[in-house]
N, C-alpha and C. Protein backbone atom coordinates (compact mmCIF):
# COMPACT_ATOMS: atom_id res chain seq x y z
N MET A 1 23.70 19.69 -12.12
CA MET A 1 24.59 18.97 -11.25
C MET A 1 26.03 19.24 -11.66
N LEU A 2 26.44 20.45 -11.59
CA LEU A 2 27.80 20.82 -11.93
C LEU A 2 28.77 20.24 -10.91
N GLY A 3 29.92 19.82 -11.41
CA GLY A 3 30.94 19.30 -10.51
C GLY A 3 30.79 17.84 -10.16
N ARG A 4 29.74 17.20 -10.60
CA ARG A 4 29.52 15.77 -10.32
C ARG A 4 30.02 14.96 -11.48
N THR A 5 30.66 13.84 -11.16
CA THR A 5 31.08 12.94 -12.23
C THR A 5 30.04 11.84 -12.37
N LYS A 6 30.03 11.25 -13.55
CA LYS A 6 29.09 10.17 -13.83
C LYS A 6 29.51 8.93 -13.02
N PRO A 7 28.60 8.39 -12.21
CA PRO A 7 28.96 7.21 -11.40
C PRO A 7 29.11 5.97 -12.27
N SER A 8 29.94 5.05 -11.82
CA SER A 8 30.12 3.80 -12.56
C SER A 8 28.91 2.90 -12.33
N PRO A 9 28.62 2.01 -13.28
CA PRO A 9 27.50 1.08 -13.09
C PRO A 9 27.67 0.22 -11.83
N ASN A 10 28.90 -0.21 -11.54
CA ASN A 10 29.11 -1.02 -10.33
C ASN A 10 28.82 -0.23 -9.06
N SER A 11 29.23 1.03 -9.06
CA SER A 11 28.96 1.89 -7.90
C SER A 11 27.45 2.07 -7.72
N LEU A 12 26.74 2.28 -8.82
CA LEU A 12 25.29 2.43 -8.74
C LEU A 12 24.62 1.15 -8.25
N LYS A 13 25.09 0.00 -8.73
CA LYS A 13 24.52 -1.28 -8.28
C LYS A 13 24.66 -1.44 -6.78
N GLU A 14 25.85 -1.11 -6.26
CA GLU A 14 26.08 -1.22 -4.82
C GLU A 14 25.20 -0.25 -4.04
N ARG A 15 25.11 0.98 -4.52
CA ARG A 15 24.26 1.98 -3.84
C ARG A 15 22.80 1.58 -3.88
N LEU A 16 22.33 1.07 -5.02
CA LEU A 16 20.93 0.63 -5.12
C LEU A 16 20.64 -0.49 -4.12
N ALA A 17 21.56 -1.44 -4.00
CA ALA A 17 21.37 -2.54 -3.05
C ALA A 17 21.34 -2.02 -1.62
N THR A 18 22.26 -1.13 -1.28
CA THR A 18 22.33 -0.57 0.07
C THR A 18 21.08 0.25 0.40
N ILE A 19 20.69 1.11 -0.54
CA ILE A 19 19.51 1.95 -0.32
C ILE A 19 18.26 1.09 -0.21
N SER A 20 18.14 0.08 -1.05
CA SER A 20 16.98 -0.81 -0.99
C SER A 20 16.90 -1.47 0.38
N GLU A 21 18.01 -1.99 0.85
CA GLU A 21 18.05 -2.64 2.18
C GLU A 21 17.68 -1.65 3.29
N ASP A 22 18.24 -0.44 3.21
CA ASP A 22 17.93 0.58 4.22
C ASP A 22 16.45 0.95 4.20
N LEU A 23 15.87 1.08 3.01
CA LEU A 23 14.45 1.42 2.91
C LEU A 23 13.57 0.30 3.43
N ILE A 24 13.96 -0.94 3.18
CA ILE A 24 13.20 -2.09 3.70
C ILE A 24 13.20 -2.04 5.22
N ASN A 25 14.36 -1.82 5.79
CA ASN A 25 14.46 -1.76 7.25
C ASN A 25 13.70 -0.57 7.83
N LEU A 26 13.80 0.58 7.15
CA LEU A 26 13.06 1.76 7.60
C LEU A 26 11.56 1.51 7.53
N HIS A 27 11.11 0.88 6.45
CA HIS A 27 9.69 0.56 6.31
C HIS A 27 9.22 -0.30 7.47
N ARG A 28 9.98 -1.34 7.78
CA ARG A 28 9.60 -2.23 8.88
C ARG A 28 9.52 -1.46 10.20
N ASP A 29 10.52 -0.62 10.48
CA ASP A 29 10.52 0.15 11.73
C ASP A 29 9.35 1.13 11.80
N LEU A 30 9.12 1.85 10.72
CA LEU A 30 8.01 2.80 10.71
C LEU A 30 6.66 2.09 10.75
N TYR A 31 6.56 0.95 10.08
CA TYR A 31 5.32 0.19 10.07
C TYR A 31 4.91 -0.16 11.49
N TRP A 32 5.84 -0.72 12.26
CA TRP A 32 5.50 -1.13 13.61
C TRP A 32 5.28 0.07 14.53
N LEU A 33 5.95 1.17 14.25
CA LEU A 33 5.74 2.38 15.03
C LEU A 33 4.32 2.91 14.81
N VAL A 34 3.88 2.93 13.57
CA VAL A 34 2.55 3.43 13.23
C VAL A 34 1.47 2.45 13.67
N GLU A 35 1.76 1.15 13.62
CA GLU A 35 0.77 0.13 13.95
C GLU A 35 0.71 -0.20 15.45
N ASP A 36 1.47 0.51 16.27
CA ASP A 36 1.47 0.24 17.72
C ASP A 36 0.06 0.41 18.26
N ASN A 37 -0.41 -0.60 18.98
CA ASN A 37 -1.78 -0.57 19.51
C ASN A 37 -1.92 0.28 20.76
N ASP A 38 -0.83 0.58 21.43
CA ASP A 38 -0.86 1.40 22.63
C ASP A 38 -0.82 2.87 22.20
N ALA A 39 -1.97 3.54 22.27
CA ALA A 39 -2.10 4.90 21.75
C ALA A 39 -1.13 5.87 22.42
N ALA A 40 -0.93 5.75 23.72
CA ALA A 40 -0.04 6.67 24.42
C ALA A 40 1.41 6.49 23.96
N THR A 41 1.84 5.26 23.83
CA THR A 41 3.20 4.98 23.36
C THR A 41 3.37 5.44 21.92
N GLN A 42 2.37 5.15 21.10
CA GLN A 42 2.43 5.55 19.70
C GLN A 42 2.53 7.07 19.58
N GLU A 43 1.71 7.78 20.34
CA GLU A 43 1.73 9.24 20.30
C GLU A 43 3.10 9.77 20.68
N GLN A 44 3.70 9.20 21.72
CA GLN A 44 5.03 9.63 22.17
C GLN A 44 6.08 9.33 21.11
N ASP A 45 6.07 8.11 20.58
CA ASP A 45 7.07 7.71 19.59
C ASP A 45 6.96 8.52 18.31
N LEU A 46 5.74 8.73 17.83
CA LEU A 46 5.55 9.52 16.61
C LEU A 46 5.94 10.98 16.85
N GLY A 47 5.68 11.47 18.04
CA GLY A 47 6.04 12.85 18.38
C GLY A 47 7.54 13.06 18.46
N ASP A 48 8.29 11.99 18.71
CA ASP A 48 9.74 12.09 18.79
C ASP A 48 10.40 12.26 17.43
N LEU A 49 9.69 11.92 16.37
CA LEU A 49 10.24 12.08 15.02
C LEU A 49 10.05 13.52 14.56
N ARG A 50 11.02 14.04 13.84
CA ARG A 50 10.91 15.39 13.29
C ARG A 50 10.14 15.31 11.99
N PHE A 51 9.04 16.02 11.93
CA PHE A 51 8.16 15.96 10.75
C PHE A 51 8.86 16.46 9.50
N ASP A 52 9.74 17.48 9.64
CA ASP A 52 10.44 17.99 8.46
C ASP A 52 11.38 16.92 7.89
N GLN A 53 11.94 16.06 8.72
CA GLN A 53 12.78 14.97 8.23
C GLN A 53 11.93 13.95 7.47
N ILE A 54 10.77 13.64 8.01
CA ILE A 54 9.87 12.70 7.35
C ILE A 54 9.46 13.25 5.98
N MET A 55 9.11 14.52 5.92
CA MET A 55 8.68 15.12 4.65
C MET A 55 9.84 15.23 3.66
N ALA A 56 11.05 15.50 4.14
CA ALA A 56 12.22 15.55 3.25
C ALA A 56 12.48 14.17 2.66
N LEU A 57 12.36 13.12 3.48
CA LEU A 57 12.53 11.76 2.97
C LEU A 57 11.43 11.43 1.96
N LYS A 58 10.20 11.81 2.27
CA LYS A 58 9.09 11.54 1.35
C LYS A 58 9.34 12.21 0.00
N LEU A 59 9.81 13.45 0.00
CA LEU A 59 10.10 14.15 -1.24
C LEU A 59 11.20 13.43 -2.02
N ALA A 60 12.27 13.04 -1.33
CA ALA A 60 13.38 12.33 -1.99
C ALA A 60 12.90 11.01 -2.59
N VAL A 61 12.10 10.26 -1.83
CA VAL A 61 11.58 8.97 -2.32
C VAL A 61 10.64 9.20 -3.51
N ASP A 62 9.79 10.21 -3.43
CA ASP A 62 8.89 10.51 -4.55
C ASP A 62 9.68 10.86 -5.81
N ASN A 63 10.73 11.66 -5.66
CA ASN A 63 11.56 12.04 -6.82
C ASN A 63 12.25 10.82 -7.43
N VAL A 64 12.80 9.96 -6.58
CA VAL A 64 13.47 8.76 -7.08
C VAL A 64 12.46 7.83 -7.73
N ARG A 65 11.31 7.69 -7.13
CA ARG A 65 10.27 6.82 -7.70
C ARG A 65 9.88 7.28 -9.10
N GLU A 66 9.70 8.59 -9.27
CA GLU A 66 9.35 9.13 -10.58
C GLU A 66 10.47 8.85 -11.60
N LEU A 67 11.71 9.04 -11.18
CA LEU A 67 12.83 8.79 -12.07
C LEU A 67 12.96 7.30 -12.40
N LEU A 68 12.69 6.43 -11.44
CA LEU A 68 12.75 4.99 -11.71
C LEU A 68 11.72 4.58 -12.75
N TRP A 69 10.53 5.17 -12.70
CA TRP A 69 9.52 4.85 -13.72
C TRP A 69 9.97 5.34 -15.09
N LYS A 70 10.65 6.50 -15.14
CA LYS A 70 11.19 6.98 -16.42
C LYS A 70 12.25 6.01 -16.93
N TYR A 71 13.05 5.48 -16.03
CA TYR A 71 14.07 4.50 -16.40
C TYR A 71 13.40 3.25 -16.98
N VAL A 72 12.37 2.77 -16.31
CA VAL A 72 11.64 1.58 -16.78
C VAL A 72 11.07 1.85 -18.18
N ASP A 73 10.49 3.02 -18.38
CA ASP A 73 9.93 3.37 -19.69
C ASP A 73 11.01 3.39 -20.77
N ALA A 74 12.18 3.94 -20.44
CA ALA A 74 13.27 4.00 -21.41
C ALA A 74 13.79 2.61 -21.76
N VAL A 75 13.94 1.75 -20.76
CA VAL A 75 14.40 0.39 -21.01
C VAL A 75 13.35 -0.39 -21.80
N ALA A 76 12.09 -0.11 -21.54
CA ALA A 76 11.00 -0.81 -22.24
C ALA A 76 11.05 -0.56 -23.75
N LYS A 77 11.54 0.58 -24.15
CA LYS A 77 11.66 0.88 -25.58
C LYS A 77 12.75 0.04 -26.23
N VAL A 78 13.78 -0.28 -25.45
CA VAL A 78 14.92 -1.03 -25.97
C VAL A 78 14.73 -2.53 -25.78
N GLU A 79 14.22 -2.92 -24.61
CA GLU A 79 14.05 -4.35 -24.28
C GLU A 79 12.65 -4.61 -23.72
N PRO A 80 11.63 -4.54 -24.57
CA PRO A 80 10.25 -4.66 -24.08
C PRO A 80 9.96 -6.00 -23.39
N GLN A 81 10.49 -7.09 -23.90
CA GLN A 81 10.22 -8.40 -23.30
C GLN A 81 10.81 -8.48 -21.89
N ARG A 82 12.02 -8.00 -21.74
CA ARG A 82 12.69 -8.02 -20.42
C ARG A 82 11.90 -7.21 -19.40
N VAL A 83 11.44 -6.04 -19.80
CA VAL A 83 10.67 -5.18 -18.89
C VAL A 83 9.32 -5.81 -18.59
N GLN A 84 8.68 -6.40 -19.59
CA GLN A 84 7.38 -7.04 -19.36
C GLN A 84 7.52 -8.17 -18.32
N GLU A 85 8.55 -8.99 -18.45
CA GLU A 85 8.77 -10.08 -17.49
C GLU A 85 9.07 -9.53 -16.10
N ALA A 86 9.91 -8.50 -16.03
CA ALA A 86 10.24 -7.90 -14.74
C ALA A 86 9.01 -7.28 -14.08
N MET A 87 8.15 -6.63 -14.88
CA MET A 87 6.94 -6.01 -14.33
C MET A 87 5.97 -7.07 -13.82
N GLU A 88 5.88 -8.19 -14.51
CA GLU A 88 5.00 -9.27 -14.04
C GLU A 88 5.51 -9.81 -12.70
N THR A 89 6.81 -10.00 -12.60
CA THR A 89 7.41 -10.45 -11.33
C THR A 89 7.14 -9.43 -10.23
N TYR A 90 7.29 -8.15 -10.55
CA TYR A 90 7.03 -7.08 -9.60
C TYR A 90 5.58 -7.13 -9.11
N ARG A 91 4.65 -7.29 -10.04
CA ARG A 91 3.23 -7.33 -9.66
C ARG A 91 2.92 -8.50 -8.74
N VAL A 92 3.48 -9.67 -9.05
CA VAL A 92 3.25 -10.85 -8.21
C VAL A 92 3.82 -10.62 -6.82
N ARG A 93 5.03 -10.07 -6.74
CA ARG A 93 5.64 -9.80 -5.43
C ARG A 93 4.82 -8.78 -4.66
N ARG A 94 4.33 -7.76 -5.36
CA ARG A 94 3.54 -6.72 -4.69
C ARG A 94 2.24 -7.29 -4.13
N VAL A 95 1.54 -8.06 -4.92
CA VAL A 95 0.29 -8.66 -4.45
C VAL A 95 0.57 -9.60 -3.28
N SER A 96 1.62 -10.37 -3.38
CA SER A 96 1.98 -11.29 -2.29
C SER A 96 2.23 -10.53 -0.99
N LYS A 97 2.95 -9.42 -1.08
CA LYS A 97 3.24 -8.62 0.11
C LYS A 97 1.98 -7.97 0.66
N LEU A 98 1.11 -7.50 -0.23
CA LEU A 98 -0.13 -6.88 0.23
C LEU A 98 -1.02 -7.90 0.95
N LEU A 99 -1.03 -9.12 0.46
CA LEU A 99 -1.82 -10.16 1.12
C LEU A 99 -1.17 -10.59 2.44
N GLU A 100 0.12 -10.47 2.52
CA GLU A 100 0.86 -10.88 3.71
C GLU A 100 0.69 -9.89 4.86
N LEU A 101 0.56 -8.61 4.56
CA LEU A 101 0.50 -7.59 5.60
C LEU A 101 -0.59 -7.83 6.65
N PRO A 102 -1.86 -7.99 6.25
CA PRO A 102 -2.86 -8.18 7.29
C PRO A 102 -2.66 -9.50 8.03
N TRP A 103 -2.23 -10.53 7.35
CA TRP A 103 -2.02 -11.84 7.97
C TRP A 103 -0.91 -11.77 9.01
N ALA A 104 0.14 -11.00 8.73
CA ALA A 104 1.29 -10.90 9.63
C ALA A 104 0.92 -10.20 10.95
N THR A 105 -0.16 -9.44 10.97
CA THR A 105 -0.52 -8.72 12.18
C THR A 105 -1.30 -9.60 13.16
N ILE A 106 -1.70 -10.78 12.73
CA ILE A 106 -2.47 -11.68 13.60
C ILE A 106 -1.49 -12.60 14.32
N PRO A 107 -1.54 -12.66 15.63
CA PRO A 107 -0.66 -13.58 16.35
C PRO A 107 -0.86 -15.02 15.87
N THR A 108 0.23 -15.76 15.80
CA THR A 108 0.17 -17.14 15.32
C THR A 108 -0.86 -17.96 16.08
N SER A 109 -0.96 -17.74 17.37
CA SER A 109 -1.90 -18.52 18.18
C SER A 109 -3.35 -18.29 17.79
N LEU A 110 -3.64 -17.17 17.14
CA LEU A 110 -5.02 -16.86 16.75
C LEU A 110 -5.32 -17.21 15.30
N ARG A 111 -4.32 -17.66 14.55
CA ARG A 111 -4.51 -17.94 13.13
C ARG A 111 -5.25 -19.25 12.88
N PHE A 112 -5.35 -20.09 13.88
CA PHE A 112 -6.00 -21.38 13.71
C PHE A 112 -7.18 -21.50 14.66
N HIS A 113 -8.24 -22.04 14.18
CA HIS A 113 -9.42 -22.34 14.98
C HIS A 113 -9.14 -23.64 15.72
N SER A 114 -9.94 -23.99 16.70
CA SER A 114 -9.71 -25.22 17.46
C SER A 114 -9.73 -26.45 16.55
N SER A 115 -10.44 -26.37 15.44
CA SER A 115 -10.46 -27.50 14.50
C SER A 115 -9.25 -27.45 13.57
N ARG A 116 -8.34 -26.48 13.80
CA ARG A 116 -7.11 -26.30 13.04
C ARG A 116 -7.35 -25.83 11.61
N LYS A 117 -8.52 -25.30 11.36
CA LYS A 117 -8.77 -24.70 10.05
C LYS A 117 -8.26 -23.27 10.09
N LEU A 118 -7.70 -22.84 8.99
CA LEU A 118 -7.22 -21.47 8.92
C LEU A 118 -8.37 -20.50 9.01
N LEU A 119 -8.18 -19.47 9.80
CA LEU A 119 -9.15 -18.39 9.87
C LEU A 119 -8.72 -17.31 8.90
N PRO A 120 -9.66 -16.64 8.25
CA PRO A 120 -9.26 -15.55 7.36
C PRO A 120 -8.69 -14.39 8.19
N PRO A 121 -7.85 -13.58 7.60
CA PRO A 121 -7.32 -12.42 8.33
C PRO A 121 -8.45 -11.54 8.84
N SER A 122 -8.28 -11.01 10.06
CA SER A 122 -9.35 -10.20 10.64
C SER A 122 -9.19 -8.72 10.32
N ARG A 123 -8.03 -8.35 9.77
CA ARG A 123 -7.82 -6.95 9.40
C ARG A 123 -7.48 -6.89 7.92
N THR A 124 -7.89 -5.81 7.29
CA THR A 124 -7.53 -5.64 5.88
C THR A 124 -6.68 -4.40 5.75
N CYS A 125 -5.96 -4.31 4.65
CA CYS A 125 -5.13 -3.13 4.39
C CYS A 125 -6.03 -1.94 4.07
N SER A 126 -5.59 -0.77 4.51
CA SER A 126 -6.29 0.44 4.12
C SER A 126 -5.94 0.75 2.67
N PRO A 127 -6.73 1.57 1.98
CA PRO A 127 -6.39 1.93 0.61
C PRO A 127 -5.00 2.59 0.53
N ALA A 128 -4.64 3.37 1.55
CA ALA A 128 -3.33 4.01 1.55
C ALA A 128 -2.22 2.97 1.63
N ALA A 129 -2.41 1.95 2.45
CA ALA A 129 -1.40 0.89 2.57
C ALA A 129 -1.31 0.10 1.27
N ALA A 130 -2.42 -0.11 0.62
CA ALA A 130 -2.42 -0.87 -0.64
C ALA A 130 -1.70 -0.10 -1.74
N ALA A 131 -1.70 1.21 -1.66
CA ALA A 131 -1.05 2.02 -2.69
C ALA A 131 0.45 2.11 -2.50
N ARG A 132 0.93 1.80 -1.30
CA ARG A 132 2.37 1.89 -1.03
C ARG A 132 3.08 0.65 -1.52
N PRO A 133 4.32 0.80 -1.98
CA PRO A 133 5.09 -0.38 -2.39
C PRO A 133 5.32 -1.30 -1.20
N PRO A 134 5.44 -2.59 -1.45
CA PRO A 134 5.65 -3.53 -0.36
C PRO A 134 7.06 -3.50 0.15
N GLU A 135 7.23 -4.05 1.31
CA GLU A 135 8.55 -4.21 1.88
C GLU A 135 9.23 -5.37 1.16
N GLU A 136 10.43 -5.16 0.68
CA GLU A 136 11.14 -6.18 -0.07
C GLU A 136 12.09 -6.95 0.85
N GLY A 137 12.25 -8.21 0.56
CA GLY A 137 13.28 -9.00 1.21
C GLY A 137 13.02 -9.39 2.65
N ARG A 138 11.82 -9.20 3.15
CA ARG A 138 11.53 -9.53 4.54
C ARG A 138 11.20 -10.99 4.62
N SER A 139 11.78 -11.65 5.60
CA SER A 139 11.40 -13.05 5.81
C SER A 139 10.26 -13.06 6.81
N GLY A 140 9.36 -13.96 6.64
CA GLY A 140 8.24 -13.92 7.55
C GLY A 140 7.63 -15.20 7.67
């Protein structure tokens, strides 16, 4: 990376927040695009996206994800307790989001039986969806 200067911590914090927000919004948009129940509309919408752009984004996200894990490993050597607590929080948030996904796809009117007892979710996450990180910061 010749010619690049080292970014300031404040600049990185701002960029991380912005990128996180953008990825959350992108996840939500792509999620509903892929989950569209109308096959003809879904086919048209998915066909409108350039596959090379999707793959370039996937490569960039994969590279950043790998580097973030290296960062976590490096911090864990210096502050193991802090990383352990953060990882536990991460796991709880991830499980919560994974449990929320199938429930969110059921219309509110169908979530309750006539006796007002909660019905279990009728759809489950695919293994691929379970392996993906959850959407952060979504209110639901």
